[in-house]
N, C-alpha and C. Protein backbone atom coordinates (compact mmCIF):
# COMPACT_ATOMS: atom_id res chain seq x y z
N MET A 1 -175.75 -14.02 78.07
CA MET A 1 -174.82 -13.86 76.99
C MET A 1 -174.85 -12.46 77.05
N THR A 2 -173.74 -11.95 77.23
CA THR A 2 -173.47 -10.32 77.43
C THR A 2 -173.37 -10.13 75.42
N GLU A 3 -173.39 -8.80 75.83
CA GLU A 3 -173.22 -8.50 74.07
C GLU A 3 -171.69 -7.20 73.97
N THR A 4 -171.26 -7.82 72.99
CA THR A 4 -170.29 -6.98 72.85
C THR A 4 -170.39 -5.77 72.43
N PRO A 5 -169.37 -4.93 72.53
CA PRO A 5 -169.63 -3.40 71.91
C PRO A 5 -169.54 -2.91 70.45
N GLU A 6 -169.10 -4.06 69.97
CA GLU A 6 -169.39 -4.35 68.34
C GLU A 6 -170.76 -4.45 67.89
N ILE A 7 -171.03 -5.74 68.54
CA ILE A 7 -172.61 -6.10 68.46
C ILE A 7 -173.19 -4.91 68.59
N ARG A 8 -173.36 -4.26 69.75
CA ARG A 8 -174.25 -3.54 69.83
C ARG A 8 -174.35 -2.09 69.22
N LEU A 9 -173.21 -1.87 68.75
CA LEU A 9 -173.16 -0.50 67.62
C LEU A 9 -173.64 -1.12 66.44
N LYS A 10 -173.53 -2.58 66.12
CA LYS A 10 -174.18 -2.74 64.52
C LYS A 10 -175.86 -2.91 65.43
N ARG A 11 -176.09 -3.02 66.31
CA ARG A 11 -177.30 -3.44 66.33
C ARG A 11 -178.82 -2.06 66.19
N LEU A 12 -177.96 -1.41 67.37
CA LEU A 12 -177.81 0.14 67.26
C LEU A 12 -177.94 0.91 65.48
N SER A 13 -177.39 0.68 65.13
CA SER A 13 -177.51 1.33 63.52
C SER A 13 -178.17 0.39 62.71
N MET A 14 -178.17 -0.68 63.09
CA MET A 14 -179.75 -1.62 62.22
C MET A 14 -180.94 -1.08 62.50
N ARG A 15 -181.36 -0.58 63.68
CA ARG A 15 -182.52 0.29 64.38
C ARG A 15 -182.58 0.98 64.04
N SER A 16 -181.21 2.04 63.70
CA SER A 16 -181.43 3.70 63.13
C SER A 16 -181.66 3.88 61.61
N HIS A 17 -181.59 2.80 61.01
CA HIS A 17 -181.55 2.43 59.33
C HIS A 17 -183.07 1.97 59.26
N ARG A 18 -183.52 1.38 59.79
CA ARG A 18 -184.68 0.77 59.48
C ARG A 18 -185.84 1.06 60.42
N ARG A 19 -186.22 2.24 60.01
CA ARG A 19 -187.29 2.29 61.43
C ARG A 19 -188.59 2.58 61.24
N GLY A 20 -189.09 2.70 59.50
CA GLY A 20 -190.39 2.28 59.15
C GLY A 20 -190.58 3.21 59.20
N THR A 21 -190.32 4.98 58.80
CA THR A 21 -190.78 5.95 58.06
C THR A 21 -189.37 5.85 56.93
N LYS A 22 -189.00 6.70 56.20
CA LYS A 22 -188.09 7.01 55.38
C LYS A 22 -187.37 8.29 55.75
N GLU A 23 -188.39 9.37 55.85
CA GLU A 23 -187.43 10.53 57.01
C GLU A 23 -186.43 9.80 58.32
N MET A 24 -187.13 9.01 59.29
CA MET A 24 -186.05 8.43 60.52
C MET A 24 -185.55 8.03 59.83
N ASP A 25 -185.54 7.00 58.72
CA ASP A 25 -184.63 5.77 58.32
C ASP A 25 -183.31 6.79 57.63
N ILE A 26 -183.48 8.26 56.91
CA ILE A 26 -182.81 8.63 56.44
C ILE A 26 -181.91 9.69 58.03
N ILE A 27 -182.42 10.30 58.56
CA ILE A 27 -182.24 10.71 60.22
C ILE A 27 -181.13 10.28 60.91
N LEU A 28 -181.58 9.39 61.15
CA LEU A 28 -180.93 8.23 62.09
C LEU A 28 -180.07 7.39 61.78
N GLY A 29 -180.14 6.76 60.19
CA GLY A 29 -179.22 6.16 59.78
C GLY A 29 -177.63 6.96 59.26
N ARG A 30 -177.80 8.13 59.19
CA ARG A 30 -177.12 9.62 58.77
C ARG A 30 -176.19 9.50 60.24
N TYR A 31 -177.47 9.80 61.44
CA TYR A 31 -176.64 9.96 62.44
C TYR A 31 -175.91 8.87 63.12
N ALA A 32 -176.30 7.54 63.13
CA ALA A 32 -175.67 6.68 63.41
C ALA A 32 -174.59 6.12 62.64
N ASP A 33 -174.67 6.50 61.24
CA ASP A 33 -173.45 5.92 60.44
C ASP A 33 -171.81 6.98 60.58
N ASP A 34 -172.32 8.49 61.16
CA ASP A 34 -171.42 9.43 61.48
C ASP A 34 -170.73 9.56 62.96
N ARG A 35 -171.69 8.93 63.57
CA ARG A 35 -171.77 9.46 65.19
C ARG A 35 -171.53 8.52 66.43
N LEU A 36 -172.21 7.16 65.98
CA LEU A 36 -172.19 6.07 67.48
C LEU A 36 -170.95 5.50 67.82
N VAL A 37 -170.00 5.48 66.95
CA VAL A 37 -168.86 4.88 67.53
C VAL A 37 -167.73 5.72 68.51
N GLY A 38 -168.29 6.81 68.23
CA GLY A 38 -167.88 7.92 69.31
C GLY A 38 -168.86 8.47 70.44
N LEU A 39 -169.64 7.24 70.95
CA LEU A 39 -170.36 7.92 71.75
C LEU A 39 -170.15 7.23 73.17
N ALA A 40 -170.11 8.23 74.46
CA ALA A 40 -170.17 7.81 75.46
C ALA A 40 -171.02 6.77 75.77
N ALA A 41 -170.89 5.54 76.41
CA ALA A 41 -171.99 4.72 76.75
C ALA A 41 -173.01 4.58 77.96
N GLU A 42 -172.82 6.00 78.05
CA GLU A 42 -173.87 6.75 79.00
C GLU A 42 -174.99 6.96 77.56
N THR A 43 -174.77 7.72 76.86
CA THR A 43 -174.99 8.40 75.65
C THR A 43 -175.34 7.33 74.71
N LEU A 44 -175.00 6.41 74.31
CA LEU A 44 -175.60 5.18 73.63
C LEU A 44 -176.68 4.61 74.54
N ASP A 45 -176.38 4.26 75.78
CA ASP A 45 -178.18 3.87 76.75
C ASP A 45 -179.14 4.48 76.31
N LEU A 46 -178.39 6.19 76.70
CA LEU A 46 -179.90 6.84 76.09
C LEU A 46 -180.62 6.51 74.44
N TYR A 47 -179.86 6.93 73.64
CA TYR A 47 -179.82 6.61 72.27
C TYR A 47 -180.94 5.18 71.84
N GLU A 48 -180.24 4.10 72.71
CA GLU A 48 -181.24 3.15 72.41
C GLU A 48 -182.80 3.24 73.09
N ASP A 49 -182.42 3.95 74.17
CA ASP A 49 -184.11 4.61 74.96
C ASP A 49 -184.57 5.55 73.51
N LEU A 50 -183.72 6.32 73.08
CA LEU A 50 -184.66 7.15 71.96
C LEU A 50 -185.18 6.30 70.73
N LEU A 51 -184.63 5.36 70.70
CA LEU A 51 -184.55 4.48 69.21
C LEU A 51 -186.19 3.91 69.81
N GLU A 52 -186.85 3.93 71.04
CA GLU A 52 -187.99 2.92 71.29
C GLU A 52 -189.24 3.55 71.24
N GLU A 53 -189.04 5.02 71.23
CA GLU A 53 -189.94 5.99 70.48
C GLU A 53 -190.31 6.26 69.68
N ASN A 54 -191.77 6.20 68.88
CA ASN A 54 -192.19 6.53 67.57
C ASN A 54 -191.58 7.18 66.79
N ASP A 55 -191.75 7.31 65.26
CA ASP A 55 -190.89 7.42 64.22
C ASP A 55 -192.30 9.44 64.43
N GLN A 56 -193.53 8.96 64.25
CA GLN A 56 -194.10 10.49 64.14
C GLN A 56 -193.39 11.30 65.24
N ASP A 57 -193.36 10.76 66.54
CA ASP A 57 -192.85 11.87 67.59
C ASP A 57 -191.70 12.12 67.37
N LEU A 58 -190.67 11.02 67.49
CA LEU A 58 -189.08 11.95 66.73
C LEU A 58 -189.05 12.87 65.52
N TYR A 59 -189.78 12.48 64.77
CA TYR A 59 -189.87 13.57 63.50
C TYR A 59 -190.68 14.74 63.96
N ARG A 60 -191.15 15.05 65.18
CA ARG A 60 -191.88 16.17 65.29
C ARG A 60 -190.62 17.05 66.24
N TRP A 61 -189.97 16.15 66.84
CA TRP A 61 -188.88 16.46 68.09
C TRP A 61 -187.72 17.18 67.22
N VAL A 62 -186.65 16.06 66.11
CA VAL A 62 -185.93 16.26 65.15
C VAL A 62 -185.96 17.89 64.74
N THR A 63 -187.41 18.35 64.18
CA THR A 63 -187.58 19.07 63.37
C THR A 63 -188.25 20.46 64.36
N GLY A 64 -188.26 20.14 65.04
CA GLY A 64 -188.75 21.36 65.81
C GLY A 64 -190.32 21.36 66.21
N LEU A 65 -190.91 20.79 65.58
CA LEU A 65 -191.92 21.30 65.83
C LEU A 65 -193.16 20.53 66.70
N ALA A 66 -191.91 20.36 67.85
CA ALA A 66 -193.23 19.69 68.69
C ALA A 66 -191.47 19.80 70.30
N PRO A 67 -191.74 20.06 71.07
CA PRO A 67 -190.67 19.75 72.36
C PRO A 67 -190.22 18.28 72.51
N ALA A 68 -188.74 18.42 72.36
CA ALA A 68 -188.57 16.77 72.52
C ALA A 68 -188.99 16.69 74.43
N PRO A 69 -188.96 15.64 74.67
CA PRO A 69 -189.19 15.63 76.40
C PRO A 69 -187.43 15.48 77.22
N GLU A 70 -187.68 16.29 78.18
CA GLU A 70 -186.18 16.92 78.86
C GLU A 70 -185.30 15.79 78.92
N ARG A 71 -185.49 14.51 79.24
CA ARG A 71 -184.96 13.51 79.28
C ARG A 71 -183.82 13.59 77.53
N PHE A 72 -184.53 13.86 76.71
CA PHE A 72 -184.03 13.50 75.46
C PHE A 72 -183.63 15.01 74.98
N ALA A 73 -184.07 15.79 75.39
CA ALA A 73 -183.88 17.21 74.50
C ALA A 73 -182.16 17.20 73.89
N GLY A 74 -181.16 16.87 74.65
CA GLY A 74 -179.80 17.12 74.45
C GLY A 74 -179.46 16.11 73.29
N LEU A 75 -179.99 15.37 73.59
CA LEU A 75 -179.47 14.45 71.98
C LEU A 75 -180.09 14.61 71.18
N ILE A 76 -181.79 14.67 70.94
CA ILE A 76 -182.50 15.54 69.96
C ILE A 76 -181.53 16.34 69.42
N ALA A 77 -181.50 17.38 69.98
CA ALA A 77 -180.82 19.11 69.64
C ALA A 77 -179.18 18.15 68.70
N GLU A 78 -178.30 17.20 69.49
CA GLU A 78 -177.22 17.23 68.54
C GLU A 78 -178.18 16.41 67.53
N ILE A 79 -178.99 15.73 67.32
CA ILE A 79 -179.58 14.74 66.15
C ILE A 79 -179.78 15.84 64.85
N ALA A 80 -180.50 16.78 65.55
CA ALA A 80 -180.91 17.92 64.77
C ALA A 80 -179.82 18.74 64.32
N GLY A 81 -178.60 18.93 64.98
CA GLY A 81 -177.91 19.82 64.33
C GLY A 81 -177.10 19.05 62.98
N HIS A 82 -177.02 17.37 63.36
CA HIS A 82 -176.18 16.54 62.25
C HIS A 82 -176.81 16.78 61.06
N THR A 83 -178.43 16.63 61.50
CA THR A 83 -179.02 16.95 60.11
C THR A 83 -178.87 18.18 59.39
N ALA A 84 -178.95 19.04 60.07
CA ALA A 84 -178.87 20.28 58.80
C ALA A 84 -177.45 20.36 58.93
N GLN A 85 -176.80 20.09 59.38
CA GLN A 85 -175.71 19.96 58.83
C GLN A 85 -175.18 19.01 57.13
N SER A 86 -175.47 17.88 57.78
CA SER A 86 -175.95 17.14 56.41
C SER A 86 -176.41 17.76 55.53
N ALA A 87 -177.56 18.05 55.38
CA ALA A 87 -178.02 18.63 54.46
C ALA A 87 -177.55 20.09 53.54
N ARG A 88 -176.45 20.87 54.40
CA ARG A 88 -175.81 22.12 54.00
C ARG A 88 -174.95 20.80 52.65
N ALA A 89 -174.04 19.62 53.89
CA ALA A 89 -173.22 19.53 52.96
C ALA A 89 -173.79 18.81 51.45
């Protein structure tokens, strides 16, 4: 069975909001709410792969406490920028 784009976006949004740690629920949930709909298919694929990573690593990457793997560096930078922008709003 093939997943429709709408179902995929809902699934990724749910996985973003229900991570396991409250910090990543907030960070990825807000990012998903604001940005998922506009992402290209290749970026959605990368984001889906990113969601497979554990929350402790994700948090360290987004906050700059540890460097993100090269594969995710651009996406992590975008998420971190979105988080900083949301915090100022």
